[in-house]
Amino acid sequence: MEKQLEEVLPNALLFPIKNSNYYGILLQDSTAKMTKQLEAIHHKLKHLLPLHLSFFIGNTVSELSALHFSYNEALEILQQQENKLHECTILNHYQLKGINKLVEYVPKKEIEHFCAVYLKTLAFPKEETLIELRKTLKVYLECQCEITETSKRLFIHRNTVKYRIAKCEDLFQMPINDPDFSLKVRLALVLSEPKND
């Protein structure tokens, strides 16, 4: 492995992972550029030895002080796949967790309360008019509060978007483009999607 790394990735550092049979590799460049090199190492070693070699890759970091985040991400993927390593692909990249995964252990009642506080009647709407209002609000926020872009995406007139956003602001008693409030509304919209029920 060291010989292969020296040939293909001369700036890589190979080190044993404590209390395991695994090795870590510190790469000093973007892994996107190194995909072919890592695959080449895999194929060459597989040709020489009867083994299945997989790489578990954390996100790129730009500061030495953040290196442990990338290392822990790689370890997390390895631990998730440990019982089925022979089925793993050559390169296994860490995927950032979505908001729903981050709040997985927050009680459902607290999430529902948060959504109801910030979205009011738009949190879990049943009426068609409220569902349409919520949809417009969601797209409006996704479009960075651009009325023209929102109207294009929803195939409705600009004035309809303006009217619906004004109704939302009346309901919330807050301007939607307020950065702090907007963040909470976006979060509440994600957490109150029907699939989270």
N, C-alpha and C. Protein backbone atom coordinates (compact mmCIF):
# COMPACT_ATOMS: atom_id res chain seq x y z
N MET A 1 0.83 -1.20 0.00
CA MET A 1 0.00 0.00 0.00
C MET A 1 0.88 1.26 0.00
N GLU A 2 1.89 1.26 0.87
CA GLU A 2 2.79 2.43 0.92
C GLU A 2 3.47 2.66 -0.42
N LYS A 3 3.90 1.55 -1.05
CA LYS A 3 4.59 1.65 -2.34
C LYS A 3 3.65 2.24 -3.40
N GLN A 4 2.40 1.76 -3.40
CA GLN A 4 1.42 2.27 -4.36
C GLN A 4 1.14 3.75 -4.14
N LEU A 5 0.99 4.14 -2.88
CA LEU A 5 0.74 5.54 -2.57
C LEU A 5 1.89 6.43 -3.01
N GLU A 6 3.11 5.96 -2.77
CA GLU A 6 4.28 6.75 -3.17
C GLU A 6 4.31 6.97 -4.67
N GLU A 7 3.92 5.95 -5.43
CA GLU A 7 3.92 6.06 -6.89
C GLU A 7 2.80 6.96 -7.41
N VAL A 8 1.61 6.76 -6.86
CA VAL A 8 0.43 7.45 -7.40
C VAL A 8 0.12 8.77 -6.70
N LEU A 9 0.25 8.79 -5.37
CA LEU A 9 -0.06 9.99 -4.58
C LEU A 9 1.11 10.28 -3.64
N PRO A 10 2.17 10.89 -4.15
CA PRO A 10 3.37 11.09 -3.34
C PRO A 10 3.18 11.97 -2.09
N ASN A 11 2.14 12.80 -2.06
CA ASN A 11 1.91 13.67 -0.90
C ASN A 11 0.98 13.05 0.14
N ALA A 12 0.58 11.79 -0.08
CA ALA A 12 -0.34 11.12 0.86
C ALA A 12 0.43 10.57 2.05
N LEU A 13 -0.24 10.54 3.19
CA LEU A 13 0.35 10.00 4.42
C LEU A 13 -0.50 8.81 4.88
N LEU A 14 0.11 7.64 4.98
CA LEU A 14 -0.56 6.43 5.42
C LEU A 14 -0.26 6.20 6.90
N PHE A 15 -1.30 5.90 7.69
CA PHE A 15 -1.09 5.66 9.12
C PHE A 15 -2.07 4.59 9.61
N PRO A 16 -1.63 3.76 10.57
CA PRO A 16 -2.54 2.73 11.11
C PRO A 16 -3.58 3.37 12.03
N ILE A 17 -4.79 2.83 12.00
CA ILE A 17 -5.84 3.31 12.89
C ILE A 17 -5.78 2.46 14.15
N LYS A 18 -5.63 3.13 15.27
CA LYS A 18 -5.44 2.48 16.57
C LYS A 18 -6.51 1.43 16.85
N ASN A 19 -6.07 0.29 17.39
CA ASN A 19 -6.95 -0.81 17.80
C ASN A 19 -7.83 -1.35 16.67
N SER A 20 -7.28 -1.38 15.44
CA SER A 20 -8.05 -1.93 14.32
C SER A 20 -7.09 -2.50 13.28
N ASN A 21 -7.66 -3.11 12.26
CA ASN A 21 -6.87 -3.63 11.14
C ASN A 21 -6.94 -2.69 9.94
N TYR A 22 -7.35 -1.46 10.17
CA TYR A 22 -7.54 -0.50 9.09
C TYR A 22 -6.42 0.54 9.08
N TYR A 23 -6.31 1.20 7.93
CA TYR A 23 -5.33 2.27 7.78
C TYR A 23 -6.05 3.53 7.33
N GLY A 24 -5.52 4.64 7.75
CA GLY A 24 -6.02 5.93 7.31
C GLY A 24 -5.05 6.52 6.32
N ILE A 25 -5.57 7.33 5.42
CA ILE A 25 -4.72 8.03 4.46
C ILE A 25 -5.07 9.50 4.52
N LEU A 26 -4.08 10.31 4.77
CA LEU A 26 -4.27 11.76 4.75
C LEU A 26 -3.89 12.25 3.36
N LEU A 27 -4.87 12.77 2.64
CA LEU A 27 -4.65 13.26 1.28
C LEU A 27 -4.62 14.78 1.31
N GLN A 28 -3.62 15.35 0.69
CA GLN A 28 -3.46 16.80 0.73
C GLN A 28 -3.95 17.47 -0.54
N ASP A 29 -5.02 16.95 -1.08
CA ASP A 29 -5.63 17.53 -2.26
C ASP A 29 -7.08 17.08 -2.28
N SER A 30 -7.86 17.67 -3.16
CA SER A 30 -9.28 17.30 -3.26
C SER A 30 -9.41 15.85 -3.70
N THR A 31 -10.27 15.09 -3.03
CA THR A 31 -10.47 13.68 -3.40
C THR A 31 -11.12 13.55 -4.77
N ALA A 32 -11.81 14.59 -5.21
CA ALA A 32 -12.43 14.55 -6.54
C ALA A 32 -11.35 14.36 -7.60
N LYS A 33 -10.19 14.97 -7.41
CA LYS A 33 -9.10 14.86 -8.36
C LYS A 33 -8.39 13.51 -8.23
N MET A 34 -8.58 12.84 -7.11
CA MET A 34 -7.83 11.63 -6.83
C MET A 34 -8.62 10.34 -7.06
N THR A 35 -9.83 10.47 -7.53
CA THR A 35 -10.68 9.29 -7.73
C THR A 35 -9.97 8.23 -8.58
N LYS A 36 -9.42 8.64 -9.71
CA LYS A 36 -8.75 7.68 -10.61
C LYS A 36 -7.54 7.05 -9.94
N GLN A 37 -6.79 7.86 -9.17
CA GLN A 37 -5.60 7.32 -8.50
C GLN A 37 -5.98 6.29 -7.45
N LEU A 38 -7.02 6.57 -6.67
CA LEU A 38 -7.45 5.62 -5.63
C LEU A 38 -7.99 4.33 -6.26
N GLU A 39 -8.72 4.48 -7.37
CA GLU A 39 -9.22 3.30 -8.06
C GLU A 39 -8.07 2.48 -8.64
N ALA A 40 -7.04 3.16 -9.15
CA ALA A 40 -5.86 2.47 -9.70
C ALA A 40 -5.15 1.66 -8.60
N ILE A 41 -5.02 2.24 -7.42
CA ILE A 41 -4.41 1.54 -6.28
C ILE A 41 -5.23 0.28 -5.95
N HIS A 42 -6.54 0.44 -5.92
CA HIS A 42 -7.44 -0.68 -5.64
C HIS A 42 -7.19 -1.83 -6.63
N HIS A 43 -7.23 -1.50 -7.92
CA HIS A 43 -7.10 -2.53 -8.95
C HIS A 43 -5.72 -3.20 -8.93
N LYS A 44 -4.68 -2.42 -8.70
CA LYS A 44 -3.33 -2.97 -8.68
C LYS A 44 -3.15 -3.93 -7.49
N LEU A 45 -3.62 -3.51 -6.32
CA LEU A 45 -3.49 -4.37 -5.14
C LEU A 45 -4.39 -5.61 -5.24
N LYS A 46 -5.56 -5.46 -5.84
CA LYS A 46 -6.45 -6.60 -6.01
C LYS A 46 -5.82 -7.63 -6.95
N HIS A 47 -5.08 -7.13 -7.93
CA HIS A 47 -4.38 -8.02 -8.87
C HIS A 47 -3.26 -8.78 -8.16
N LEU A 48 -2.59 -8.13 -7.21
CA LEU A 48 -1.46 -8.74 -6.50
C LEU A 48 -1.89 -9.63 -5.34
N LEU A 49 -2.96 -9.23 -4.65
CA LEU A 49 -3.39 -9.92 -3.43
C LEU A 49 -4.89 -10.24 -3.49
N PRO A 50 -5.31 -11.34 -2.86
CA PRO A 50 -6.74 -11.68 -2.86
C PRO A 50 -7.49 -10.87 -1.79
N LEU A 51 -7.68 -9.58 -2.04
CA LEU A 51 -8.39 -8.76 -1.06
C LEU A 51 -9.30 -7.76 -1.75
N HIS A 52 -10.27 -7.30 -0.99
CA HIS A 52 -11.18 -6.26 -1.47
C HIS A 52 -10.83 -4.98 -0.72
N LEU A 53 -10.38 -3.98 -1.45
CA LEU A 53 -9.94 -2.73 -0.85
C LEU A 53 -10.99 -1.64 -1.09
N SER A 54 -11.43 -1.02 -0.02
CA SER A 54 -12.40 0.08 -0.12
C SER A 54 -11.84 1.30 0.59
N PHE A 55 -12.20 2.47 0.09
CA PHE A 55 -11.80 3.73 0.70
C PHE A 55 -13.04 4.42 1.25
N PHE A 56 -12.95 4.91 2.47
CA PHE A 56 -14.04 5.64 3.13
C PHE A 56 -13.56 7.07 3.30
N ILE A 57 -14.25 7.99 2.65
CA ILE A 57 -13.72 9.34 2.49
C ILE A 57 -14.59 10.39 3.18
N GLY A 58 -13.97 11.14 4.09
CA GLY A 58 -14.64 12.26 4.75
C GLY A 58 -14.58 13.49 3.85
N ASN A 59 -15.30 14.53 4.23
CA ASN A 59 -15.32 15.76 3.45
C ASN A 59 -13.97 16.47 3.51
N THR A 60 -13.67 17.21 2.47
CA THR A 60 -12.45 17.99 2.40
C THR A 60 -12.51 19.11 3.44
N VAL A 61 -11.38 19.35 4.09
CA VAL A 61 -11.29 20.47 5.03
C VAL A 61 -10.17 21.39 4.58
N SER A 62 -10.29 22.66 4.92
CA SER A 62 -9.28 23.63 4.47
C SER A 62 -8.33 24.05 5.59
N GLU A 63 -8.62 23.64 6.82
CA GLU A 63 -7.75 23.99 7.93
C GLU A 63 -7.36 22.75 8.71
N LEU A 64 -6.14 22.72 9.18
CA LEU A 64 -5.63 21.59 9.94
C LEU A 64 -6.47 21.33 11.18
N SER A 65 -6.98 22.39 11.79
CA SER A 65 -7.77 22.24 13.03
C SER A 65 -9.09 21.51 12.78
N ALA A 66 -9.54 21.43 11.53
CA ALA A 66 -10.81 20.76 11.20
C ALA A 66 -10.59 19.34 10.69
N LEU A 67 -9.35 18.89 10.67
CA LEU A 67 -9.01 17.57 10.14
C LEU A 67 -9.77 16.44 10.83
N HIS A 68 -9.96 16.57 12.15
CA HIS A 68 -10.66 15.51 12.89
C HIS A 68 -12.10 15.31 12.41
N PHE A 69 -12.74 16.36 11.87
CA PHE A 69 -14.10 16.21 11.36
C PHE A 69 -14.12 15.23 10.18
N SER A 70 -13.19 15.43 9.25
CA SER A 70 -13.10 14.56 8.08
C SER A 70 -12.77 13.13 8.49
N TYR A 71 -11.85 12.98 9.42
CA TYR A 71 -11.45 11.66 9.91
C TYR A 71 -12.65 10.94 10.55
N ASN A 72 -13.40 11.64 11.39
CA ASN A 72 -14.57 11.05 12.05
C ASN A 72 -15.67 10.69 11.05
N GLU A 73 -15.82 11.50 9.99
CA GLU A 73 -16.80 11.18 8.95
C GLU A 73 -16.43 9.88 8.24
N ALA A 74 -15.13 9.73 7.91
CA ALA A 74 -14.67 8.50 7.26
C ALA A 74 -14.89 7.29 8.17
N LEU A 75 -14.58 7.44 9.46
CA LEU A 75 -14.80 6.35 10.42
C LEU A 75 -16.28 6.00 10.53
N GLU A 76 -17.13 7.00 10.48
CA GLU A 76 -18.58 6.75 10.59
C GLU A 76 -19.08 5.90 9.43
N ILE A 77 -18.62 6.21 8.21
CA ILE A 77 -19.03 5.40 7.05
C ILE A 77 -18.51 3.98 7.20
N LEU A 78 -17.26 3.85 7.61
CA LEU A 78 -16.66 2.53 7.80
C LEU A 78 -17.48 1.71 8.81
N GLN A 79 -17.85 2.33 9.92
CA GLN A 79 -18.61 1.62 10.96
C GLN A 79 -19.99 1.20 10.45
N GLN A 80 -20.60 2.05 9.62
CA GLN A 80 -21.91 1.71 9.05
C GLN A 80 -21.82 0.51 8.11
N GLN A 81 -20.68 0.38 7.42
CA GLN A 81 -20.51 -0.67 6.41
C GLN A 81 -19.74 -1.88 6.91
N GLU A 82 -19.27 -1.87 8.16
CA GLU A 82 -18.33 -2.86 8.65
C GLU A 82 -18.79 -4.31 8.47
N ASN A 83 -20.07 -4.57 8.62
CA ASN A 83 -20.58 -5.95 8.50
C ASN A 83 -20.75 -6.41 7.06
N LYS A 84 -20.62 -5.49 6.12
CA LYS A 84 -20.79 -5.85 4.70
C LYS A 84 -19.70 -5.20 3.84
N LEU A 85 -18.46 -5.24 4.33
CA LEU A 85 -17.34 -4.62 3.62
C LEU A 85 -17.13 -5.21 2.23
N HIS A 86 -17.37 -6.53 2.09
CA HIS A 86 -17.16 -7.17 0.79
C HIS A 86 -18.14 -6.66 -0.28
N GLU A 87 -19.23 -5.98 0.15
CA GLU A 87 -20.22 -5.44 -0.78
C GLU A 87 -19.96 -3.97 -1.11
N CYS A 88 -19.02 -3.34 -0.39
CA CYS A 88 -18.77 -1.90 -0.56
C CYS A 88 -18.19 -1.58 -1.92
N THR A 89 -18.49 -0.40 -2.39
CA THR A 89 -17.86 0.08 -3.61
C THR A 89 -16.42 0.50 -3.27
N ILE A 90 -15.65 0.82 -4.29
CA ILE A 90 -14.24 1.20 -4.06
C ILE A 90 -14.19 2.49 -3.26
N LEU A 91 -14.94 3.50 -3.69
CA LEU A 91 -14.94 4.79 -3.01
C LEU A 91 -16.28 5.02 -2.32
N ASN A 92 -16.24 5.33 -1.05
CA ASN A 92 -17.45 5.56 -0.25
C ASN A 92 -17.32 6.93 0.40
N HIS A 93 -18.07 7.90 -0.10
CA HIS A 93 -17.99 9.27 0.38
C HIS A 93 -19.01 9.52 1.49
N TYR A 94 -18.61 10.32 2.45
CA TYR A 94 -19.51 10.72 3.53
C TYR A 94 -20.58 11.66 2.98
N GLN A 95 -21.81 11.41 3.34
CA GLN A 95 -22.92 12.28 2.94
C GLN A 95 -23.36 13.10 4.14
N LEU A 96 -23.43 14.41 3.94
CA LEU A 96 -23.90 15.27 5.03
C LEU A 96 -25.33 14.91 5.39
N LYS A 97 -25.61 14.96 6.67
CA LYS A 97 -26.95 14.62 7.14
C LYS A 97 -27.89 15.80 6.91
N GLY A 98 -29.12 15.47 6.58
CA GLY A 98 -30.13 16.52 6.41
C GLY A 98 -30.66 16.97 7.76
N ILE A 99 -31.47 17.99 7.74
CA ILE A 99 -32.04 18.55 8.96
C ILE A 99 -32.81 17.50 9.74
N ASN A 100 -33.57 16.67 9.01
CA ASN A 100 -34.39 15.66 9.69
C ASN A 100 -33.53 14.66 10.47
N LYS A 101 -32.35 14.33 9.94
CA LYS A 101 -31.45 13.41 10.64
C LYS A 101 -30.89 14.09 11.89
N LEU A 102 -30.61 15.39 11.79
CA LEU A 102 -30.04 16.12 12.92
C LEU A 102 -31.03 16.24 14.08
N VAL A 103 -32.32 16.29 13.77
CA VAL A 103 -33.32 16.44 14.84
C VAL A 103 -34.03 15.13 15.16
N GLU A 104 -33.43 14.04 14.71
CA GLU A 104 -34.01 12.71 14.89
C GLU A 104 -34.41 12.40 16.33
N TYR A 105 -33.62 12.88 17.28
CA TYR A 105 -33.86 12.55 18.69
C TYR A 105 -34.63 13.64 19.44
N VAL A 106 -35.07 14.66 18.72
CA VAL A 106 -35.89 15.70 19.35
C VAL A 106 -37.32 15.16 19.39
N PRO A 107 -37.98 15.22 20.53
CA PRO A 107 -39.35 14.69 20.61
C PRO A 107 -40.28 15.32 19.57
N LYS A 108 -41.15 14.49 19.01
CA LYS A 108 -42.07 14.92 17.96
C LYS A 108 -42.92 16.11 18.41
N LYS A 109 -43.35 16.09 19.66
CA LYS A 109 -44.19 17.19 20.17
C LYS A 109 -43.45 18.53 20.12
N GLU A 110 -42.14 18.51 20.43
CA GLU A 110 -41.35 19.75 20.39
C GLU A 110 -41.21 20.26 18.97
N ILE A 111 -41.03 19.34 18.03
CA ILE A 111 -40.92 19.74 16.62
C ILE A 111 -42.25 20.33 16.15
N GLU A 112 -43.35 19.68 16.50
CA GLU A 112 -44.67 20.18 16.11
C GLU A 112 -44.94 21.55 16.72
N HIS A 113 -44.52 21.74 17.98
CA HIS A 113 -44.69 23.03 18.64
C HIS A 113 -43.89 24.11 17.93
N PHE A 114 -42.62 23.82 17.60
CA PHE A 114 -41.76 24.76 16.89
C PHE A 114 -42.41 25.18 15.56
N CYS A 115 -42.91 24.19 14.83
CA CYS A 115 -43.54 24.47 13.53
C CYS A 115 -44.80 25.32 13.69
N ALA A 116 -45.60 24.99 14.68
CA ALA A 116 -46.84 25.74 14.91
C ALA A 116 -46.56 27.18 15.34
N VAL A 117 -45.51 27.39 16.13
CA VAL A 117 -45.16 28.74 16.60
C VAL A 117 -44.76 29.62 15.41
N TYR A 118 -43.94 29.08 14.50
CA TYR A 118 -43.42 29.91 13.41
C TYR A 118 -44.28 29.89 12.15
N LEU A 119 -45.02 28.82 11.90
CA LEU A 119 -45.83 28.76 10.69
C LEU A 119 -47.32 28.99 10.95
N LYS A 120 -47.71 29.01 12.20
CA LYS A 120 -49.13 29.19 12.57
C LYS A 120 -49.98 28.14 11.86
N THR A 121 -51.01 28.60 11.15
CA THR A 121 -51.93 27.66 10.48
C THR A 121 -51.33 27.01 9.23
N LEU A 122 -50.13 27.46 8.83
CA LEU A 122 -49.48 26.86 7.66
C LEU A 122 -48.62 25.66 8.04
N ALA A 123 -48.51 25.37 9.33
CA ALA A 123 -47.67 24.26 9.78
C ALA A 123 -48.18 22.92 9.26
N PHE A 124 -49.44 22.64 9.48
CA PHE A 124 -50.02 21.36 9.06
C PHE A 124 -51.39 21.64 8.44
N PRO A 125 -51.40 22.35 7.30
CA PRO A 125 -52.68 22.79 6.72
C PRO A 125 -53.49 21.64 6.12
N LYS A 126 -54.82 21.80 6.21
CA LYS A 126 -55.74 20.83 5.60
C LYS A 126 -56.55 21.51 4.49
N GLU A 127 -56.85 22.79 4.68
CA GLU A 127 -57.62 23.53 3.68
C GLU A 127 -56.77 23.83 2.46
N GLU A 128 -57.40 23.78 1.29
CA GLU A 128 -56.69 23.99 0.02
C GLU A 128 -56.03 25.38 -0.06
N THR A 129 -56.73 26.41 0.44
CA THR A 129 -56.16 27.77 0.38
C THR A 129 -54.89 27.88 1.23
N LEU A 130 -54.88 27.24 2.38
CA LEU A 130 -53.69 27.26 3.25
C LEU A 130 -52.55 26.43 2.65
N ILE A 131 -52.91 25.34 1.99
CA ILE A 131 -51.90 24.51 1.33
C ILE A 131 -51.22 25.31 0.22
N GLU A 132 -52.03 26.05 -0.57
CA GLU A 132 -51.48 26.89 -1.64
C GLU A 132 -50.62 28.03 -1.08
N LEU A 133 -51.06 28.60 0.02
CA LEU A 133 -50.31 29.68 0.67
C LEU A 133 -48.95 29.16 1.15
N ARG A 134 -48.97 28.00 1.75
CA ARG A 134 -47.73 27.37 2.23
C ARG A 134 -46.79 27.08 1.07
N LYS A 135 -47.33 26.53 -0.01
CA LYS A 135 -46.52 26.21 -1.19
C LYS A 135 -45.87 27.46 -1.76
N THR A 136 -46.63 28.53 -1.85
CA THR A 136 -46.10 29.80 -2.36
C THR A 136 -44.99 30.32 -1.46
N LEU A 137 -45.20 30.26 -0.16
CA LEU A 137 -44.19 30.70 0.81
C LEU A 137 -42.90 29.90 0.64
N LYS A 138 -43.03 28.59 0.52
CA LYS A 138 -41.86 27.70 0.38
C LYS A 138 -41.06 28.05 -0.87
N VAL A 139 -41.74 28.18 -1.99
CA VAL A 139 -41.06 28.50 -3.26
C VAL A 139 -40.46 29.91 -3.20
N TYR A 140 -41.18 30.83 -2.60
CA TYR A 140 -40.69 32.22 -2.44
C TYR A 140 -39.37 32.24 -1.67
N LEU A 141 -39.28 31.48 -0.60
CA LEU A 141 -38.05 31.40 0.18
C LEU A 141 -36.94 30.69 -0.60
N GLU A 142 -37.30 29.64 -1.34
CA GLU A 142 -36.32 28.94 -2.18
C GLU A 142 -35.77 29.85 -3.27
N CYS A 143 -36.57 30.80 -3.71
CA CYS A 143 -36.17 31.75 -4.75
C CYS A 143 -35.55 33.02 -4.16
N GLN A 144 -35.11 32.93 -2.91
CA GLN A 144 -34.45 34.06 -2.22
C GLN A 144 -35.33 35.32 -2.21
N CYS A 145 -36.63 35.12 -1.99
CA CYS A 145 -37.62 36.20 -1.88
C CYS A 145 -37.74 37.03 -3.16
N GLU A 146 -37.52 36.42 -4.30
CA GLU A 146 -37.68 37.07 -5.61
C GLU A 146 -39.08 36.77 -6.14
N ILE A 147 -39.89 37.81 -6.26
CA ILE A 147 -41.27 37.64 -6.69
C ILE A 147 -41.37 37.10 -8.12
N THR A 148 -40.58 37.67 -9.04
CA THR A 148 -40.64 37.25 -10.45
C THR A 148 -40.27 35.78 -10.60
N GLU A 149 -39.19 35.36 -9.96
CA GLU A 149 -38.75 33.97 -10.02
C GLU A 149 -39.79 33.03 -9.42
N THR A 150 -40.40 33.46 -8.32
CA THR A 150 -41.45 32.65 -7.67
C THR A 150 -42.64 32.47 -8.60
N SER A 151 -43.06 33.56 -9.24
CA SER A 151 -44.22 33.49 -10.15
C SER A 151 -43.92 32.58 -11.33
N LYS A 152 -42.67 32.61 -11.83
CA LYS A 152 -42.30 31.72 -12.94
C LYS A 152 -42.35 30.26 -12.52
N ARG A 153 -41.81 29.97 -11.35
CA ARG A 153 -41.76 28.58 -10.89
C ARG A 153 -43.14 28.02 -10.58
N LEU A 154 -44.04 28.89 -10.10
CA LEU A 154 -45.38 28.43 -9.75
C LEU A 154 -46.41 28.60 -10.87
N PHE A 155 -45.97 29.25 -11.97
CA PHE A 155 -46.86 29.54 -13.09
C PHE A 155 -48.09 30.34 -12.66
N ILE A 156 -47.82 31.35 -11.84
CA ILE A 156 -48.90 32.26 -11.42
C ILE A 156 -48.43 33.70 -11.63
N HIS A 157 -49.36 34.64 -11.62
CA HIS A 157 -49.04 36.05 -11.85
C HIS A 157 -48.26 36.63 -10.66
N ARG A 158 -47.41 37.60 -10.96
CA ARG A 158 -46.61 38.26 -9.92
C ARG A 158 -47.49 38.83 -8.80
N ASN A 159 -48.61 39.43 -9.20
CA ASN A 159 -49.51 40.03 -8.20
C ASN A 159 -50.10 38.98 -7.26
N THR A 160 -50.30 37.76 -7.77
CA THR A 160 -50.79 36.67 -6.93
C THR A 160 -49.74 36.32 -5.88
N VAL A 161 -48.47 36.30 -6.30
CA VAL A 161 -47.37 36.02 -5.36
C VAL A 161 -47.33 37.12 -4.31
N LYS A 162 -47.38 38.38 -4.74
CA LYS A 162 -47.35 39.52 -3.80
C LYS A 162 -48.49 39.42 -2.79
N TYR A 163 -49.68 39.11 -3.29
CA TYR A 163 -50.86 39.00 -2.43
C TYR A 163 -50.67 37.89 -1.39
N ARG A 164 -50.19 36.74 -1.84
CA ARG A 164 -50.02 35.59 -0.93
C ARG A 164 -48.91 35.86 0.10
N ILE A 165 -47.85 36.48 -0.30
CA ILE A 165 -46.76 36.78 0.64
C ILE A 165 -47.24 37.81 1.66
N ALA A 166 -48.02 38.78 1.21
CA ALA A 166 -48.59 39.77 2.14
C ALA A 166 -49.51 39.08 3.15
N LYS A 167 -50.27 38.07 2.69
CA LYS A 167 -51.14 37.31 3.60
C LYS A 167 -50.30 36.55 4.63
N CYS A 168 -49.18 35.99 4.18
CA CYS A 168 -48.27 35.29 5.10
C CYS A 168 -47.73 36.25 6.15
N GLU A 169 -47.31 37.43 5.72
CA GLU A 169 -46.75 38.41 6.65
C GLU A 169 -47.80 38.90 7.65
N ASP A 170 -49.05 39.01 7.19
CA ASP A 170 -50.14 39.36 8.11
C ASP A 170 -50.33 38.24 9.15
N LEU A 171 -50.28 37.02 8.68
CA LEU A 171 -50.45 35.86 9.56
C LEU A 171 -49.32 35.79 10.59
N PHE A 172 -48.07 36.00 10.14
CA PHE A 172 -46.91 35.89 11.02
C PHE A 172 -46.64 37.14 11.84
N GLN A 173 -47.18 38.27 11.39
CA GLN A 173 -46.90 39.56 12.04
C GLN A 173 -45.39 39.87 12.00
N MET A 174 -44.76 39.44 10.93
CA MET A 174 -43.32 39.63 10.74
C MET A 174 -43.03 39.70 9.24
N PRO A 175 -42.01 40.49 8.84
CA PRO A 175 -41.62 40.46 7.43
C PRO A 175 -40.88 39.14 7.13
N ILE A 176 -41.24 38.50 6.06
CA ILE A 176 -40.66 37.20 5.73
C ILE A 176 -39.18 37.31 5.39
N ASN A 177 -38.75 38.45 4.89
CA ASN A 177 -37.34 38.57 4.51
C ASN A 177 -36.42 38.95 5.68
N ASP A 178 -36.96 38.99 6.90
CA ASP A 178 -36.12 39.17 8.08
C ASP A 178 -35.24 37.93 8.21
N PRO A 179 -33.89 38.08 8.22
CA PRO A 179 -33.00 36.91 8.17
C PRO A 179 -33.24 35.88 9.27
N ASP A 180 -33.36 36.31 10.51
CA ASP A 180 -33.54 35.38 11.62
C ASP A 180 -34.89 34.66 11.52
N PHE A 181 -35.93 35.43 11.26
CA PHE A 181 -37.26 34.84 11.14
C PHE A 181 -37.35 33.92 9.93
N SER A 182 -36.76 34.35 8.82
CA SER A 182 -36.76 33.56 7.60
C SER A 182 -36.12 32.19 7.81
N LEU A 183 -35.02 32.15 8.55
CA LEU A 183 -34.34 30.89 8.84
C LEU A 183 -35.26 29.95 9.63
N LYS A 184 -35.94 30.50 10.62
CA LYS A 184 -36.84 29.68 11.43
C LYS A 184 -38.03 29.17 10.62
N VAL A 185 -38.54 30.00 9.73
CA VAL A 185 -39.65 29.60 8.87
C VAL A 185 -39.21 28.49 7.91
N ARG A 186 -38.01 28.65 7.33
CA ARG A 186 -37.48 27.61 6.42
C ARG A 186 -37.35 26.28 7.15
N LEU A 187 -36.79 26.34 8.35
CA LEU A 187 -36.61 25.13 9.15
C LEU A 187 -37.96 24.50 9.48
N ALA A 188 -38.92 25.33 9.88
CA ALA A 188 -40.26 24.83 10.21
C ALA A 188 -40.93 24.20 9.00
N LEU A 189 -40.70 24.77 7.81
CA LEU A 189 -41.28 24.21 6.59
C LEU A 189 -40.72 22.81 6.31
N VAL A 190 -39.42 22.65 6.49
CA VAL A 190 -38.79 21.35 6.27
C VAL A 190 -39.30 20.33 7.29
N LEU A 191 -39.35 20.73 8.55
CA LEU A 191 -39.74 19.82 9.61
C LEU A 191 -41.21 19.44 9.59
N SER A 192 -42.02 20.27 8.97
CA SER A 192 -43.46 19.99 8.93
C SER A 192 -43.93 19.42 7.61
N GLU A 193 -42.98 18.99 6.76
CA GLU A 193 -43.38 18.32 5.52
C GLU A 193 -44.19 17.08 5.88
N PRO A 194 -45.17 16.71 5.09
CA PRO A 194 -46.04 15.57 5.41
C PRO A 194 -45.30 14.29 5.75
N LYS A 195 -44.14 14.01 5.12
CA LYS A 195 -43.42 12.77 5.39
C LYS A 195 -42.88 12.68 6.80
N ASN A 196 -42.83 13.83 7.52
CA ASN A 196 -42.33 13.84 8.90
C ASN A 196 -43.41 13.54 9.92
N ASP A 197 -44.64 13.38 9.45
CA ASP A 197 -45.74 13.11 10.39
C ASP A 197 -45.63 11.73 10.97
